[in-house]
Structures are given as C-alpha cells and as structure tokens.
Amino acid sequence: DGIPVQPIMVCNAGPIMGINRYLGRLLGLFFNDATHCKKLHKAYNVIHHMEFYQKSGHLLPTTLFVSFNINDLCMNFSHQQVMDALEHFLHSYISSDHSIQGMTISTILQLVRLVLDEQYFIYNYTLYRQTAGRASGSSLTIPLVYIYLFYWQQDILEDLINKNELFFRYRDEAFITRNRSEDELGILLSMANSQFSQPIWNITDIGSTIYFRDILITNNNGLLRTSVYHEETFERIMLLSSFRDILQPAIKQDT
C-alpha cells in the first residue's frame, strides 16, 4: 500500500475507447487554441518553429529556454481537481449558450467524468478500479492534464506562458521560451509548483542551452544553433535495469 502504479496496457476494444479518443482530440484542440500552444507531431519540428522565431526577431541574447515533462502528474492527478479545472477552462473558453460539435459544457464534463470513473485494470489476477491518474497510452490524459496544469492556478501560469513567446508540447514533454533571468524563471516555476498539492512537473532543463528530446538547442547571443543530442549510454542501461522494479510495488490506487 502507498505506492501508486500506472497501468500500461490499454484495451483498444474497450467500450469507452471511442469516447476517450474523441475527447482527447477535442480538448487538445481547445487547449492549443486557448494557450497558443503548438502541438509537435515530431520532436524535430521544434527546429522549424525556432528558426521562424529567430527570423521574426524574437530570439534575443537574453532569451532562455525551459523544458519540462508532466509524466508524474499524469500518473497521480486527482480526478476531482482535474474536473474542477476543466469546468473552469470550458466556461472561460466557451460561451454558456454555445455548444461545441453539438455538445454543451455539461455534456462534455459528463463524458470526461464517465471515462475517468470507468477505469479498470487487472493485476495479479485481481480487478482494480483506478481512482487517480490515467492509464498510459490514453489519448485523453495529456490534454486533460495540461488543462489542469494551466487552469487550476491560471493567474500564475499565465505569467509563465506569454503569447509572444513559444510554447510547444510533444506527448508529455513541453518547451517554452522566456525573456527573463534564470533566477526569475526559477522563482516563478517554484511558485507555480507550490500552489498544487503535488509536484506538477519535472523541470528537465533551463538556460540558454537545453536539450529537448534528441535535439540540443542553443541561444548563442541571439543566434540559434541546433544539433543532435546523444544521451549517455549509462542512462539507457539504468533505465532498462530498473524496469523490473516498476512492476514490483503493491497497488495503491492509481497520463
């Protein structure tokens, strides 16, 4: 007891998978539009956006990059807090007298609640109901968690995400640009994290040179440089050797 796990097997033939995929696409589009976020279909697409950002004169010598992932939050998020944030987001994004693709805000909320409530998995021949987080591979998880992230404490996160800067997301990883000092960014990120009951992100890098997936991105005094990033071999070995440990902990509840 006390150790959450994340199911990684998803039944594509499940009775609510169609609703799951539909809501994932719909909420993802809503979120991207509301936050000026660009969803990357391939990680290397970040290079093209960064080149345009530089040509537009937005890449300054002071521009810093931040990359983070939300993997832990996907595994542990509170269903009720996510639903509260989603309702707030929908009411701020959609007029109460309008519908989206024939659905009212109330209908969308009911469907999301249905998907979250009807989560079951089998472990050691026992059927469990998942009461927090979401199974890996669910197309609804990522947009739902991003909405929770940016609308639970909207005022703080709006200060972090500037429409004149870049905000990308690729699966559960994100990348933003900001023209602030590293100390100011660190304080803002820590302040945002402190407003949640659990860690909301893992900051993977911050500075004028960072890696995003397998790409090394550098701001060299206002000039963009990109190259292939090679992970250290020992990191891969550690990852593989720890895989067995992931399967051992007991279930508590528990993308």
C-alpha atoms as a PDB file:
ATOM      1  CA  ASP A   1       0.000   0.000   0.000  1.00  0.00           C
ATOM      2  CA  GLY A   2       1.074   3.591  -0.549  1.00  0.00           C
ATOM      3  CA  ILE A   3       2.879   3.151  -3.882  1.00  0.00           C
ATOM      4  CA  PRO A   4       0.892   4.189  -6.984  1.00  0.00           C
ATOM      5  CA  VAL A   5       1.340   2.349 -10.269  1.00  0.00           C
ATOM      6  CA  GLN A   6       0.331   3.258 -13.793  1.00  0.00           C
ATOM      7  CA  PRO A   7      -1.266   0.585 -15.987  1.00  0.00           C
ATOM      8  CA  ILE A   8       0.499   0.472 -19.358  1.00  0.00           C
ATOM      9  CA  MET A   9      -1.840  -1.927 -21.138  1.00  0.00           C
ATOM     10  CA  VAL A  10      -4.825  -0.255 -22.802  1.00  0.00           C
ATOM     11  CA  CYS A  11      -7.680  -2.260 -24.319  1.00  0.00           C
ATOM     12  CA  ASN A  12      -8.330  -0.643 -27.702  1.00  0.00           C
ATOM     13  CA  ALA A  13     -11.606  -2.532 -27.973  1.00  0.00           C
ATOM     14  CA  GLY A  14     -12.924  -1.208 -24.660  1.00  0.00           C
ATOM     15  CA  PRO A  15     -16.465   0.214 -24.650  1.00  0.00           C
ATOM     16  CA  ILE A  16     -15.377   3.808 -23.903  1.00  0.00           C
ATOM     17  CA  MET A  17     -12.211   3.980 -26.031  1.00  0.00           C
ATOM     18  CA  GLY A  18     -14.049   5.792 -28.827  1.00  0.00           C
ATOM     19  CA  ILE A  19     -15.223   8.471 -26.378  1.00  0.00           C
ATOM     20  CA  ASN A  20     -11.703   8.621 -24.938  1.00  0.00           C
ATOM     21  CA  ARG A  21     -10.090   9.306 -28.337  1.00  0.00           C
ATOM     22  CA  TYR A  22     -12.745  11.807 -29.368  1.00  0.00           C
ATOM     23  CA  LEU A  23     -12.441  13.820 -26.155  1.00  0.00           C
ATOM     24  CA  GLY A  24      -8.648  13.696 -26.339  1.00  0.00           C
ATOM     25  CA  ARG A  25      -8.640  15.295 -29.800  1.00  0.00           C
ATOM     26  CA  LEU A  26     -11.341  17.825 -28.885  1.00  0.00           C
ATOM     27  CA  LEU A  27      -9.801  19.028 -25.612  1.00  0.00           C
ATOM     28  CA  GLY A  28      -6.337  19.067 -27.173  1.00  0.00           C
ATOM     29  CA  LEU A  29      -7.540  21.483 -29.854  1.00  0.00           C
ATOM     30  CA  PHE A  30      -9.269  23.650 -27.227  1.00  0.00           C
ATOM     31  CA  PHE A  31      -6.137  23.828 -25.106  1.00  0.00           C
ATOM     32  CA  ASN A  32      -3.796  24.600 -28.010  1.00  0.00           C
ATOM     33  CA  ASP A  33      -6.026  27.431 -29.171  1.00  0.00           C
ATOM     34  CA  ALA A  34      -6.551  28.937 -25.709  1.00  0.00           C
ATOM     35  CA  THR A  35      -2.850  28.913 -24.734  1.00  0.00           C
ATOM     36  CA  HIS A  36      -1.283  29.483 -28.179  1.00  0.00           C
ATOM     37  CA  CYS A  37       0.390  26.119 -27.719  1.00  0.00           C
ATOM     38  CA  LYS A  38       1.769  24.278 -30.732  1.00  0.00           C
ATOM     39  CA  LYS A  39       1.495  20.511 -30.641  1.00  0.00           C
ATOM     40  CA  LEU A  40       4.521  18.875 -32.255  1.00  0.00           C
ATOM     41  CA  HIS A  41       3.791  15.707 -34.209  1.00  0.00           C
ATOM     42  CA  LYS A  42       7.524  15.021 -34.405  1.00  0.00           C
ATOM     43  CA  ALA A  43      10.045  16.322 -31.879  1.00  0.00           C
ATOM     44  CA  TYR A  44      12.318  17.701 -34.609  1.00  0.00           C
ATOM     45  CA  ASN A  45       9.525  20.072 -35.726  1.00  0.00           C
ATOM     46  CA  VAL A  46      10.695  22.312 -32.884  1.00  0.00           C
ATOM     47  CA  ILE A  47      13.664  23.305 -35.079  1.00  0.00           C
ATOM     48  CA  HIS A  48      11.440  24.804 -37.796  1.00  0.00           C
ATOM     49  CA  HIS A  49       9.465  26.804 -35.238  1.00  0.00           C
ATOM     50  CA  MET A  50      12.650  28.025 -33.576  1.00  0.00           C
ATOM     51  CA  GLU A  51      14.092  29.138 -36.924  1.00  0.00           C
ATOM     52  CA  PHE A  52      10.934  31.144 -37.649  1.00  0.00           C
ATOM     53  CA  TYR A  53      11.067  32.579 -34.118  1.00  0.00           C
ATOM     54  CA  GLN A  54      14.615  33.786 -34.805  1.00  0.00           C
ATOM     55  CA  LYS A  55      13.788  35.214 -38.251  1.00  0.00           C
ATOM     56  CA  SER A  56      10.876  37.132 -36.705  1.00  0.00           C
ATOM     57  CA  GLY A  57      13.327  38.901 -34.392  1.00  0.00           C
ATOM     58  CA  HIS A  58      12.033  37.348 -31.166  1.00  0.00           C
ATOM     59  CA  LEU A  59      15.184  35.412 -30.266  1.00  0.00           C
ATOM     60  CA  LEU A  60      17.173  37.854 -28.128  1.00  0.00           C
ATOM     61  CA  PRO A  61      20.530  37.403 -26.384  1.00  0.00           C
ATOM     62  CA  THR A  62      18.559  37.221 -23.118  1.00  0.00           C
ATOM     63  CA  THR A  63      16.081  34.548 -24.294  1.00  0.00           C
ATOM     64  CA  LEU A  64      16.084  31.428 -22.139  1.00  0.00           C
ATOM     65  CA  PHE A  65      14.591  28.001 -22.794  1.00  0.00           C
ATOM     66  CA  VAL A  66      12.717  25.773 -20.350  1.00  0.00           C
ATOM     67  CA  SER A  67      11.783  22.136 -20.889  1.00  0.00           C
ATOM     68  CA  PHE A  68       9.668  20.032 -18.544  1.00  0.00           C
ATOM     69  CA  ASN A  69       7.570  16.886 -18.502  1.00  0.00           C
ATOM     70  CA  ILE A  70       4.310  16.021 -16.765  1.00  0.00           C
ATOM     71  CA  ASN A  71       4.765  12.265 -16.567  1.00  0.00           C
ATOM     72  CA  ASP A  72       4.425  12.040 -12.763  1.00  0.00           C
ATOM     73  CA  LEU A  73       1.331  14.230 -12.772  1.00  0.00           C
ATOM     74  CA  CYS A  74      -0.267  12.033 -15.456  1.00  0.00           C
ATOM     75  CA  MET A  75       0.095   9.074 -13.125  1.00  0.00           C
ATOM     76  CA  ASN A  76      -1.219  10.701  -9.946  1.00  0.00           C
ATOM     77  CA  PHE A  77      -3.586  13.559 -10.741  1.00  0.00           C
ATOM     78  CA  SER A  78      -6.725  13.946  -8.661  1.00  0.00           C
ATOM     79  CA  HIS A  79      -9.826  13.266 -10.758  1.00  0.00           C
ATOM     80  CA  GLN A  80     -11.883  15.836  -8.869  1.00  0.00           C
ATOM     81  CA  GLN A  81      -9.281  18.598  -9.183  1.00  0.00           C
ATOM     82  CA  VAL A  82      -8.934  17.879 -12.895  1.00  0.00           C
ATOM     83  CA  MET A  83     -12.704  18.058 -13.331  1.00  0.00           C
ATOM     84  CA  ASP A  84     -12.825  21.383 -11.454  1.00  0.00           C
ATOM     85  CA  ALA A  85     -10.053  22.825 -13.641  1.00  0.00           C
ATOM     86  CA  LEU A  86     -11.714  21.500 -16.805  1.00  0.00           C
ATOM     87  CA  GLU A  87     -15.036  23.107 -15.886  1.00  0.00           C
ATOM     88  CA  HIS A  88     -13.287  26.426 -15.239  1.00  0.00           C
ATOM     89  CA  PHE A  89     -11.442  26.130 -18.564  1.00  0.00           C
ATOM     90  CA  LEU A  90     -14.567  25.314 -20.578  1.00  0.00           C
ATOM     91  CA  HIS A  91     -16.552  28.189 -19.074  1.00  0.00           C
ATOM     92  CA  SER A  92     -13.727  30.615 -19.876  1.00  0.00           C
ATOM     93  CA  TYR A  93     -13.296  29.224 -23.397  1.00  0.00           C
ATOM     94  CA  ILE A  94     -16.892  28.530 -24.456  1.00  0.00           C
ATOM     95  CA  SER A  95     -19.924  30.785 -24.014  1.00  0.00           C
ATOM     96  CA  SER A  96     -22.526  29.111 -21.825  1.00  0.00           C
ATOM     97  CA  ASP A  97     -25.167  29.487 -24.541  1.00  0.00           C
ATOM     98  CA  HIS A  98     -22.997  27.836 -27.207  1.00  0.00           C
ATOM     99  CA  SER A  99     -22.298  24.201 -27.961  1.00  0.00           C
ATOM    100  CA  ILE A 100     -19.239  22.529 -29.472  1.00  0.00           C
ATOM    101  CA  GLN A 101     -19.933  19.912 -32.120  1.00  0.00           C
ATOM    102  CA  GLY A 102     -23.458  19.650 -30.752  1.00  0.00           C
ATOM    103  CA  MET A 103     -22.363  19.243 -27.122  1.00  0.00           C
ATOM    104  CA  THR A 104     -22.891  21.608 -24.215  1.00  0.00           C
ATOM    105  CA  ILE A 105     -20.308  22.157 -21.495  1.00  0.00           C
ATOM    106  CA  SER A 106     -22.359  19.928 -19.212  1.00  0.00           C
ATOM    107  CA  THR A 107     -22.274  17.078 -21.746  1.00  0.00           C
ATOM    108  CA  ILE A 108     -18.506  17.332 -22.214  1.00  0.00           C
ATOM    109  CA  LEU A 109     -17.976  17.251 -18.445  1.00  0.00           C
ATOM    110  CA  GLN A 110     -20.247  14.230 -18.048  1.00  0.00           C
ATOM    111  CA  LEU A 111     -18.384  12.323 -20.774  1.00  0.00           C
ATOM    112  CA  VAL A 112     -14.973  13.092 -19.272  1.00  0.00           C
ATOM    113  CA  ARG A 113     -16.242  12.016 -15.857  1.00  0.00           C
ATOM    114  CA  LEU A 114     -17.516   8.772 -17.402  1.00  0.00           C
ATOM    115  CA  VAL A 115     -14.092   7.999 -18.890  1.00  0.00           C
ATOM    116  CA  LEU A 116     -12.275   8.750 -15.623  1.00  0.00           C
ATOM    117  CA  ASP A 117     -14.705   6.760 -13.481  1.00  0.00           C
ATOM    118  CA  GLU A 118     -14.754   3.683 -15.709  1.00  0.00           C
ATOM    119  CA  GLN A 119     -11.064   2.791 -15.426  1.00  0.00           C
ATOM    120  CA  TYR A 120     -10.255  -0.778 -14.514  1.00  0.00           C
ATOM    121  CA  PHE A 121      -7.201  -2.988 -14.826  1.00  0.00           C
ATOM    122  CA  ILE A 122      -6.069  -6.455 -13.782  1.00  0.00           C
ATOM    123  CA  TYR A 123      -3.035  -7.059 -11.575  1.00  0.00           C
ATOM    124  CA  ASN A 124      -2.100 -10.485 -10.223  1.00  0.00           C
ATOM    125  CA  TYR A 125      -5.473 -11.862 -11.361  1.00  0.00           C
ATOM    126  CA  THR A 126      -7.355  -9.207  -9.378  1.00  0.00           C
ATOM    127  CA  LEU A 127      -9.564  -6.498 -10.895  1.00  0.00           C
ATOM    128  CA  TYR A 128      -8.833  -2.959  -9.681  1.00  0.00           C
ATOM    129  CA  ARG A 129     -10.606   0.332 -10.271  1.00  0.00           C
ATOM    130  CA  GLN A 130      -8.260   3.230 -10.932  1.00  0.00           C
ATOM    131  CA  THR A 131      -9.192   6.231  -8.778  1.00  0.00           C
ATOM    132  CA  ALA A 132      -6.379   8.659  -9.653  1.00  0.00           C
ATOM    133  CA  GLY A 133      -4.390   9.351 -12.780  1.00  0.00           C
ATOM    134  CA  ARG A 134      -4.925   7.626 -16.073  1.00  0.00           C
ATOM    135  CA  ALA A 135      -3.539   4.592 -17.857  1.00  0.00           C
ATOM    136  CA  SER A 136      -0.508   5.117 -20.082  1.00  0.00           C
ATOM    137  CA  GLY A 137      -1.464   5.411 -23.739  1.00  0.00           C
ATOM    138  CA  SER A 138      -4.826   7.073 -23.141  1.00  0.00           C
ATOM    139  CA  SER A 139      -5.283   9.875 -25.670  1.00  0.00           C
ATOM    140  CA  LEU A 140      -7.326  11.894 -23.157  1.00  0.00           C
ATOM    141  CA  THR A 141      -4.619  12.014 -20.486  1.00  0.00           C
ATOM    142  CA  ILE A 142      -2.208  14.564 -21.949  1.00  0.00           C
ATOM    143  CA  PRO A 143      -4.673  17.344 -22.905  1.00  0.00           C
ATOM    144  CA  LEU A 144      -6.622  16.825 -19.680  1.00  0.00           C
ATOM    145  CA  VAL A 145      -3.511  17.166 -17.521  1.00  0.00           C
ATOM    146  CA  TYR A 146      -2.292  20.227 -19.437  1.00  0.00           C
ATOM    147  CA  ILE A 147      -5.681  21.865 -18.875  1.00  0.00           C
ATOM    148  CA  TYR A 148      -5.410  21.048 -15.183  1.00  0.00           C
ATOM    149  CA  LEU A 149      -1.877  22.426 -15.118  1.00  0.00           C
ATOM    150  CA  PHE A 150      -2.750  25.765 -16.687  1.00  0.00           C
ATOM    151  CA  TYR A 151      -6.240  26.405 -15.324  1.00  0.00           C
ATOM    152  CA  TRP A 152      -6.024  25.258 -11.706  1.00  0.00           C
ATOM    153  CA  GLN A 153      -3.885  28.310 -10.863  1.00  0.00           C
ATOM    154  CA  GLN A 154      -4.496  30.314 -14.025  1.00  0.00           C
ATOM    155  CA  ASP A 155      -3.076  33.667 -12.903  1.00  0.00           C
ATOM    156  CA  ILE A 156       0.381  32.271 -12.103  1.00  0.00           C
ATOM    157  CA  LEU A 157       0.667  30.115 -15.202  1.00  0.00           C
ATOM    158  CA  GLU A 158      -0.498  32.945 -17.457  1.00  0.00           C
ATOM    159  CA  ASP A 159       2.545  34.856 -16.253  1.00  0.00           C
ATOM    160  CA  LEU A 160       4.719  31.951 -17.373  1.00  0.00           C
ATOM    161  CA  ILE A 161       3.150  31.407 -20.792  1.00  0.00           C
ATOM    162  CA  ASN A 162       3.383  34.555 -22.908  1.00  0.00           C
ATOM    163  CA  LYS A 163       1.581  34.654 -26.261  1.00  0.00           C
ATOM    164  CA  ASN A 164       4.580  36.453 -27.772  1.00  0.00           C
ATOM    165  CA  GLU A 165       6.850  33.568 -26.799  1.00  0.00           C
ATOM    166  CA  LEU A 166       6.907  29.916 -27.868  1.00  0.00           C
ATOM    167  CA  PHE A 167       5.077  27.082 -26.147  1.00  0.00           C
ATOM    168  CA  PHE A 168       5.338  23.589 -27.610  1.00  0.00           C
ATOM    169  CA  ARG A 169       4.173  20.235 -26.378  1.00  0.00           C
ATOM    170  CA  TYR A 170       5.209  16.808 -27.572  1.00  0.00           C
ATOM    171  CA  ARG A 171       3.396  13.994 -25.782  1.00  0.00           C
ATOM    172  CA  ASP A 172       4.057  14.583 -22.067  1.00  0.00           C
ATOM    173  CA  GLU A 173       7.001  16.939 -22.645  1.00  0.00           C
ATOM    174  CA  ALA A 174       6.863  20.707 -23.130  1.00  0.00           C
ATOM    175  CA  PHE A 175       9.188  23.505 -24.190  1.00  0.00           C
ATOM    176  CA  ILE A 176       8.812  27.255 -23.646  1.00  0.00           C
ATOM    177  CA  THR A 177      10.859  30.390 -24.331  1.00  0.00           C
ATOM    178  CA  ARG A 178      11.032  33.361 -21.978  1.00  0.00           C
ATOM    179  CA  ASN A 179      12.909  36.654 -21.833  1.00  0.00           C
ATOM    180  CA  ARG A 180      13.624  36.665 -18.117  1.00  0.00           C
ATOM    181  CA  SER A 181      16.659  35.958 -15.991  1.00  0.00           C
ATOM    182  CA  GLU A 182      17.250  32.379 -14.920  1.00  0.00           C
ATOM    183  CA  ASP A 183      16.671  33.346 -11.277  1.00  0.00           C
ATOM    184  CA  GLU A 184      13.321  34.979 -12.101  1.00  0.00           C
ATOM    185  CA  LEU A 185      12.232  31.925 -14.065  1.00  0.00           C
ATOM    186  CA  GLY A 186      13.274  29.612 -11.250  1.00  0.00           C
ATOM    187  CA  ILE A 187      11.245  31.609  -8.719  1.00  0.00           C
ATOM    188  CA  LEU A 188       8.192  31.666 -10.990  1.00  0.00           C
ATOM    189  CA  LEU A 189       8.379  27.911 -11.630  1.00  0.00           C
ATOM    190  CA  SER A 190       8.785  27.161  -7.921  1.00  0.00           C
ATOM    191  CA  MET A 191       5.880  29.457  -7.053  1.00  0.00           C
ATOM    192  CA  ALA A 192       3.638  27.705  -9.575  1.00  0.00           C
ATOM    193  CA  ASN A 193       4.641  24.300  -8.214  1.00  0.00           C
ATOM    194  CA  SER A 194       3.887  25.350  -4.627  1.00  0.00           C
ATOM    195  CA  GLN A 195       0.255  26.141  -5.489  1.00  0.00           C
ATOM    196  CA  PHE A 196      -0.526  22.477  -6.166  1.00  0.00           C
ATOM    197  CA  SER A 197      -0.980  19.658  -3.694  1.00  0.00           C
ATOM    198  CA  GLN A 198       1.553  17.544  -5.611  1.00  0.00           C
ATOM    199  CA  PRO A 199       4.528  18.240  -7.914  1.00  0.00           C
ATOM    200  CA  ILE A 200       3.089  19.342 -11.257  1.00  0.00           C
ATOM    201  CA  TRP A 201       6.128  18.980 -13.473  1.00  0.00           C
ATOM    202  CA  ASN A 202       9.690  17.787 -13.690  1.00  0.00           C
ATOM    203  CA  ILE A 203      11.912  20.597 -14.971  1.00  0.00           C
ATOM    204  CA  THR A 204      14.345  18.784 -17.260  1.00  0.00           C
ATOM    205  CA  ASP A 205      16.396  21.814 -18.283  1.00  0.00           C
ATOM    206  CA  ILE A 206      16.528  25.609 -18.105  1.00  0.00           C
ATOM    207  CA  GLY A 207      19.029  28.009 -19.659  1.00  0.00           C
ATOM    208  CA  SER A 208      20.360  29.325 -22.965  1.00  0.00           C
ATOM    209  CA  THR A 209      21.350  25.778 -23.952  1.00  0.00           C
ATOM    210  CA  ILE A 210      18.997  22.874 -23.344  1.00  0.00           C
ATOM    211  CA  TYR A 211      18.081  19.537 -24.839  1.00  0.00           C
ATOM    212  CA  PHE A 212      14.568  18.699 -25.971  1.00  0.00           C
ATOM    213  CA  ARG A 213      14.150  15.013 -26.736  1.00  0.00           C
ATOM    214  CA  ASP A 214      17.137  14.247 -29.004  1.00  0.00           C
ATOM    215  CA  ILE A 215      17.800  17.853 -30.034  1.00  0.00           C
ATOM    216  CA  LEU A 216      20.308  20.225 -28.451  1.00  0.00           C
ATOM    217  CA  ILE A 217      19.096  23.838 -28.736  1.00  0.00           C
ATOM    218  CA  THR A 218      21.408  26.784 -28.057  1.00  0.00           C
ATOM    219  CA  ASN A 219      20.874  30.531 -27.990  1.00  0.00           C
ATOM    220  CA  ASN A 220      24.335  31.876 -28.768  1.00  0.00           C
ATOM    221  CA  ASN A 221      23.909  35.602 -28.067  1.00  0.00           C
ATOM    222  CA  GLY A 222      20.755  35.800 -30.182  1.00  0.00           C
ATOM    223  CA  LEU A 223      21.839  33.241 -32.784  1.00  0.00           C
ATOM    224  CA  LEU A 224      20.108  29.859 -32.910  1.00  0.00           C
ATOM    225  CA  ARG A 225      22.146  26.665 -33.009  1.00  0.00           C
ATOM    226  CA  THR A 226      20.728  23.150 -33.065  1.00  0.00           C
ATOM    227  CA  SER A 227      22.383  19.757 -33.128  1.00  0.00           C
ATOM    228  CA  VAL A 228      21.654  16.122 -32.355  1.00  0.00           C
ATOM    229  CA  TYR A 229      21.720  15.336 -28.655  1.00  0.00           C
ATOM    230  CA  HIS A 230      23.224  11.968 -27.702  1.00  0.00           C
ATOM    231  CA  GLU A 231      22.144  10.512 -24.378  1.00  0.00           C
ATOM    232  CA  GLU A 232      24.785   8.890 -22.240  1.00  0.00           C
ATOM    233  CA  THR A 233      24.851   5.109 -22.633  1.00  0.00           C
ATOM    234  CA  PHE A 234      24.751   4.517 -18.883  1.00  0.00           C
ATOM    235  CA  GLU A 235      21.396   6.316 -18.659  1.00  0.00           C
ATOM    236  CA  ARG A 236      19.884   3.772 -21.029  1.00  0.00           C
ATOM    237  CA  ILE A 237      21.399   0.910 -19.041  1.00  0.00           C
ATOM    238  CA  MET A 238      19.967   2.306 -15.783  1.00  0.00           C
ATOM    239  CA  LEU A 239      16.556   2.698 -17.381  1.00  0.00           C
ATOM    240  CA  LEU A 240      16.484  -0.900 -18.594  1.00  0.00           C
ATOM    241  CA  SER A 241      17.793  -2.319 -15.324  1.00  0.00           C
ATOM    242  CA  SER A 242      15.119  -0.503 -13.303  1.00  0.00           C
ATOM    243  CA  PHE A 243      12.203  -1.704 -15.449  1.00  0.00           C
ATOM    244  CA  ARG A 244      11.690  -4.811 -13.325  1.00  0.00           C
ATOM    245  CA  ASP A 245      11.429  -2.705 -10.185  1.00  0.00           C
ATOM    246  CA  ILE A 246       8.489  -0.808 -11.673  1.00  0.00           C
ATOM    247  CA  LEU A 247       6.398  -3.969 -11.709  1.00  0.00           C
ATOM    248  CA  GLN A 248       7.023  -4.984  -8.095  1.00  0.00           C
ATOM    249  CA  PRO A 249       5.414  -2.386  -5.768  1.00  0.00           C
ATOM    250  CA  ALA A 250       1.995  -3.016  -4.298  1.00  0.00           C
ATOM    251  CA  ILE A 251      -1.077  -1.307  -5.682  1.00  0.00           C
ATOM    252  CA  LYS A 252      -2.399   1.837  -4.036  1.00  0.00           C
ATOM    253  CA  GLN A 253      -4.882   3.328  -6.481  1.00  0.00           C
ATOM    254  CA  ASP A 254      -3.697   4.861  -9.143  1.00  0.00           C
ATOM    255  CA  THR A 255      -1.386  10.031 -18.082  1.00  0.00           C
END
